[in-house]
Amino acid sequence: MPASTLQATPFSTLEERMSAAEFRSAGLEKLSAEELAALNAWLSNNGTSGSGSAAPPQDDRRGLREAPSSQSRGPINTRLIGESTGWSYGTVFRLENGQVWRSVDRESTLAGVRLTNPSVEIRQGIMGNWRLKFGDYNTSAQVERVK
């Protein structure tokens, strides 16, 4: 594959490249959202040689060069599984897409609501942190991905 093809190919994050079992067996679920973002950034910059070497990295067989999903950098839009009465620090969110997130925000709370399978949007913030909000509510919590 020519070097120009390697350089023009979009980057896929570890979460997109690995199955949930591979991700866990590598111990990556222990990383904070910031640590995982830093590792993905490093891989994006250093994971492929771009030198046109004849031997592609081993990860190439698992989809290194696949286009990233719409969820890789953009917002994650899904639903919470079950009923929610809001959140506070430490609340765990189990989502329909299989992901699990936890509130790490000691200042933001959402109380006095009772929602069943609410729509959830998770966006990456300016500093690489992640913010979760329910549907049309105008408040969000900083979260980290657990699974």
C-alpha atoms as a PDB file:
ATOM      1  CA  MET A   1       0.000   0.000   0.000  1.00  0.00           C
ATOM      2  CA  PRO A   2       1.544   3.385  -0.966  1.00  0.00           C
ATOM      3  CA  ALA A   3       2.462   5.824   1.807  1.00  0.00           C
ATOM      4  CA  SER A   4      -0.036   8.383   0.498  1.00  0.00           C
ATOM      5  CA  THR A   5      -2.847   5.881   1.046  1.00  0.00           C
ATOM      6  CA  LEU A   6      -1.698   5.244   4.609  1.00  0.00           C
ATOM      7  CA  GLN A   7      -1.609   8.940   5.429  1.00  0.00           C
ATOM      8  CA  ALA A   8      -5.048   9.679   3.980  1.00  0.00           C
ATOM      9  CA  THR A   9      -6.771   6.886   5.889  1.00  0.00           C
ATOM     10  CA  PRO A  10      -8.915   7.955   8.872  1.00  0.00           C
ATOM     11  CA  PHE A  11      -7.844   6.902  12.372  1.00  0.00           C
ATOM     12  CA  SER A  12      -9.940   4.445  14.401  1.00  0.00           C
ATOM     13  CA  THR A  13      -9.847   4.555  18.201  1.00  0.00           C
ATOM     14  CA  LEU A  14      -8.989   1.535  20.323  1.00  0.00           C
ATOM     15  CA  GLU A  15     -12.643   1.221  21.303  1.00  0.00           C
ATOM     16  CA  GLU A  16     -13.552   0.863  17.607  1.00  0.00           C
ATOM     17  CA  ARG A  17     -10.720  -1.541  16.789  1.00  0.00           C
ATOM     18  CA  MET A  18     -11.096  -3.925  19.714  1.00  0.00           C
ATOM     19  CA  SER A  19     -13.941  -6.092  20.875  1.00  0.00           C
ATOM     20  CA  ALA A  20     -15.181  -5.463  24.423  1.00  0.00           C
ATOM     21  CA  ALA A  21     -13.395  -8.645  25.552  1.00  0.00           C
ATOM     22  CA  GLU A  22     -10.083  -7.579  23.959  1.00  0.00           C
ATOM     23  CA  PHE A  23     -10.438  -4.115  25.501  1.00  0.00           C
ATOM     24  CA  ARG A  24     -10.979  -5.652  28.965  1.00  0.00           C
ATOM     25  CA  SER A  25      -8.228  -8.267  28.633  1.00  0.00           C
ATOM     26  CA  ALA A  26      -5.767  -5.496  27.776  1.00  0.00           C
ATOM     27  CA  GLY A  27      -6.817  -3.675  30.960  1.00  0.00           C
ATOM     28  CA  LEU A  28      -7.881  -0.569  29.043  1.00  0.00           C
ATOM     29  CA  GLU A  29     -11.172  -0.210  30.942  1.00  0.00           C
ATOM     30  CA  LYS A  30      -9.058   0.915  33.920  1.00  0.00           C
ATOM     31  CA  LEU A  31      -7.950   4.055  32.093  1.00  0.00           C
ATOM     32  CA  SER A  32      -9.704   7.344  32.779  1.00  0.00           C
ATOM     33  CA  ALA A  33     -11.381   9.070  29.837  1.00  0.00           C
ATOM     34  CA  GLU A  34      -8.429  11.488  29.678  1.00  0.00           C
ATOM     35  CA  GLU A  35      -5.852   8.678  29.712  1.00  0.00           C
ATOM     36  CA  LEU A  36      -7.696   6.781  26.981  1.00  0.00           C
ATOM     37  CA  ALA A  37      -7.986   9.960  24.881  1.00  0.00           C
ATOM     38  CA  ALA A  38      -4.228  10.567  25.297  1.00  0.00           C
ATOM     39  CA  LEU A  39      -3.445   6.986  24.248  1.00  0.00           C
ATOM     40  CA  ASN A  40      -5.715   7.268  21.198  1.00  0.00           C
ATOM     41  CA  ALA A  41      -4.079  10.598  20.282  1.00  0.00           C
ATOM     42  CA  TRP A  42      -0.646   9.006  20.537  1.00  0.00           C
ATOM     43  CA  LEU A  43      -1.749   6.077  18.377  1.00  0.00           C
ATOM     44  CA  SER A  44      -3.253   8.473  15.859  1.00  0.00           C
ATOM     45  CA  ASN A  45       0.085  10.262  15.549  1.00  0.00           C
ATOM     46  CA  ASN A  46       2.424   7.288  15.946  1.00  0.00           C
ATOM     47  CA  GLY A  47       0.417   4.115  15.351  1.00  0.00           C
ATOM     48  CA  THR A  48       1.123   3.927  11.639  1.00  0.00           C
ATOM     49  CA  SER A  49       4.535   4.610  10.207  1.00  0.00           C
ATOM     50  CA  GLY A  50       3.396   6.447   7.086  1.00  0.00           C
ATOM     51  CA  SER A  51       6.804   5.493   5.669  1.00  0.00           C
ATOM     52  CA  GLY A  52       5.443   3.081   3.109  1.00  0.00           C
ATOM     53  CA  SER A  53       7.117   0.092   4.737  1.00  0.00           C
ATOM     54  CA  ALA A  54       6.176  -3.229   3.192  1.00  0.00           C
ATOM     55  CA  ALA A  55       5.009  -4.813   6.463  1.00  0.00           C
ATOM     56  CA  PRO A  56       1.848  -3.197   7.868  1.00  0.00           C
ATOM     57  CA  PRO A  57       1.365  -3.176  11.642  1.00  0.00           C
ATOM     58  CA  GLN A  58      -0.331  -6.286  13.062  1.00  0.00           C
ATOM     59  CA  ASP A  59      -3.338  -4.169  14.124  1.00  0.00           C
ATOM     60  CA  ASP A  60      -4.028  -3.527  10.439  1.00  0.00           C
ATOM     61  CA  ARG A  61      -5.854  -6.880  10.196  1.00  0.00           C
ATOM     62  CA  ARG A  62      -8.344  -5.840  12.889  1.00  0.00           C
ATOM     63  CA  GLY A  63      -9.595  -2.744  11.114  1.00  0.00           C
ATOM     64  CA  LEU A  64      -6.934  -0.096  11.750  1.00  0.00           C
ATOM     65  CA  ARG A  65      -7.801   1.530   8.462  1.00  0.00           C
ATOM     66  CA  GLU A  66     -11.586   1.338   8.755  1.00  0.00           C
ATOM     67  CA  ALA A  67     -13.391   4.634   8.757  1.00  0.00           C
ATOM     68  CA  PRO A  68     -14.246   5.787  12.284  1.00  0.00           C
ATOM     69  CA  SER A  69     -17.853   5.459  13.320  1.00  0.00           C
ATOM     70  CA  SER A  70     -20.033   8.523  13.731  1.00  0.00           C
ATOM     71  CA  GLN A  71     -19.582   8.079  17.489  1.00  0.00           C
ATOM     72  CA  SER A  72     -15.780   8.361  17.548  1.00  0.00           C
ATOM     73  CA  ARG A  73     -15.499  12.152  17.775  1.00  0.00           C
ATOM     74  CA  GLY A  74     -19.075  13.318  17.431  1.00  0.00           C
ATOM     75  CA  PRO A  75     -21.793  12.960  20.004  1.00  0.00           C
ATOM     76  CA  ILE A  76     -22.974   9.563  21.185  1.00  0.00           C
ATOM     77  CA  ASN A  77     -26.763   9.424  20.957  1.00  0.00           C
ATOM     78  CA  THR A  78     -28.475   6.456  22.588  1.00  0.00           C
ATOM     79  CA  ARG A  79     -30.858   5.652  25.455  1.00  0.00           C
ATOM     80  CA  LEU A  80     -30.421   4.804  29.087  1.00  0.00           C
ATOM     81  CA  ILE A  81     -31.584   1.315  30.033  1.00  0.00           C
ATOM     82  CA  GLY A  82     -34.446   1.448  32.536  1.00  0.00           C
ATOM     83  CA  GLU A  83     -35.628   4.163  34.868  1.00  0.00           C
ATOM     84  CA  SER A  84     -33.627   7.146  36.076  1.00  0.00           C
ATOM     85  CA  THR A  85     -34.249   9.686  38.800  1.00  0.00           C
ATOM     86  CA  GLY A  86     -31.374  11.871  37.636  1.00  0.00           C
ATOM     87  CA  TRP A  87     -27.763  11.843  38.732  1.00  0.00           C
ATOM     88  CA  SER A  88     -25.191  12.895  41.277  1.00  0.00           C
ATOM     89  CA  TYR A  89     -21.501  12.087  41.743  1.00  0.00           C
ATOM     90  CA  GLY A  90     -20.883   8.374  41.151  1.00  0.00           C
ATOM     91  CA  THR A  91     -24.129   7.599  39.298  1.00  0.00           C
ATOM     92  CA  VAL A  92     -23.617   4.770  36.792  1.00  0.00           C
ATOM     93  CA  PHE A  93     -25.335   4.990  33.396  1.00  0.00           C
ATOM     94  CA  ARG A  94     -25.956   1.731  31.477  1.00  0.00           C
ATOM     95  CA  LEU A  95     -26.758   2.521  27.869  1.00  0.00           C
ATOM     96  CA  GLU A  96     -28.559   0.607  25.110  1.00  0.00           C
ATOM     97  CA  ASN A  97     -25.405   0.676  22.964  1.00  0.00           C
ATOM     98  CA  GLY A  98     -23.638  -1.475  25.600  1.00  0.00           C
ATOM     99  CA  GLN A  99     -21.509   1.302  27.038  1.00  0.00           C
ATOM    100  CA  VAL A 100     -21.369   2.056  30.750  1.00  0.00           C
ATOM    101  CA  TRP A 101     -20.464   5.551  32.000  1.00  0.00           C
ATOM    102  CA  ARG A 102     -20.112   7.000  35.514  1.00  0.00           C
ATOM    103  CA  SER A 103     -20.599  10.573  36.717  1.00  0.00           C
ATOM    104  CA  VAL A 104     -17.354  12.070  38.003  1.00  0.00           C
ATOM    105  CA  ASP A 105     -18.855  15.532  38.433  1.00  0.00           C
ATOM    106  CA  ARG A 106     -19.097  16.577  42.080  1.00  0.00           C
ATOM    107  CA  GLU A 107     -20.920  19.811  41.245  1.00  0.00           C
ATOM    108  CA  SER A 108     -23.586  18.872  38.701  1.00  0.00           C
ATOM    109  CA  THR A 109     -26.742  17.075  39.767  1.00  0.00           C
ATOM    110  CA  LEU A 110     -30.092  16.396  38.194  1.00  0.00           C
ATOM    111  CA  ALA A 111     -32.763  15.667  40.778  1.00  0.00           C
ATOM    112  CA  GLY A 112     -36.539  15.530  40.866  1.00  0.00           C
ATOM    113  CA  VAL A 113     -36.991  13.704  37.587  1.00  0.00           C
ATOM    114  CA  ARG A 114     -38.364  10.263  36.875  1.00  0.00           C
ATOM    115  CA  LEU A 115     -37.600   9.085  33.361  1.00  0.00           C
ATOM    116  CA  THR A 116     -37.886   5.694  31.673  1.00  0.00           C
ATOM    117  CA  ASN A 117     -35.334   4.903  28.971  1.00  0.00           C
ATOM    118  CA  PRO A 118     -34.473   8.592  28.437  1.00  0.00           C
ATOM    119  CA  SER A 119     -32.512   9.620  25.381  1.00  0.00           C
ATOM    120  CA  VAL A 120     -28.891  10.370  26.255  1.00  0.00           C
ATOM    121  CA  GLU A 121     -26.298  12.461  24.485  1.00  0.00           C
ATOM    122  CA  ILE A 122     -22.610  12.253  25.380  1.00  0.00           C
ATOM    123  CA  ARG A 123     -20.239  14.816  23.865  1.00  0.00           C
ATOM    124  CA  GLN A 124     -16.527  15.287  24.166  1.00  0.00           C
ATOM    125  CA  GLY A 125     -15.645  18.647  25.697  1.00  0.00           C
ATOM    126  CA  ILE A 126     -12.885  21.070  24.812  1.00  0.00           C
ATOM    127  CA  MET A 127     -10.411  19.642  27.321  1.00  0.00           C
ATOM    128  CA  GLY A 128     -11.081  16.030  26.270  1.00  0.00           C
ATOM    129  CA  ASN A 129     -13.567  15.309  29.055  1.00  0.00           C
ATOM    130  CA  TRP A 130     -16.995  13.869  28.302  1.00  0.00           C
ATOM    131  CA  ARG A 131     -20.376  15.411  29.202  1.00  0.00           C
ATOM    132  CA  LEU A 132     -23.664  13.506  29.427  1.00  0.00           C
ATOM    133  CA  LYS A 133     -27.144  15.002  29.275  1.00  0.00           C
ATOM    134  CA  PHE A 134     -30.662  13.619  29.092  1.00  0.00           C
ATOM    135  CA  GLY A 135     -32.804  14.584  26.098  1.00  0.00           C
ATOM    136  CA  ASP A 136     -33.953  18.162  26.358  1.00  0.00           C
ATOM    137  CA  TYR A 137     -32.640  18.876  29.858  1.00  0.00           C
ATOM    138  CA  ASN A 138     -30.275  21.828  29.921  1.00  0.00           C
ATOM    139  CA  THR A 139     -27.817  20.391  32.422  1.00  0.00           C
ATOM    140  CA  SER A 140     -25.008  17.899  31.944  1.00  0.00           C
ATOM    141  CA  ALA A 141     -22.581  15.901  34.037  1.00  0.00           C
ATOM    142  CA  GLN A 142     -18.939  15.142  33.417  1.00  0.00           C
ATOM    143  CA  VAL A 143     -18.631  11.392  32.944  1.00  0.00           C
ATOM    144  CA  GLU A 144     -15.994   8.771  32.372  1.00  0.00           C
ATOM    145  CA  ARG A 145     -16.432   5.569  30.436  1.00  0.00           C
ATOM    146  CA  VAL A 146     -16.411   2.444  32.580  1.00  0.00           C
ATOM    147  CA  LYS A 147     -17.137  -0.046  29.781  1.00  0.00           C
END
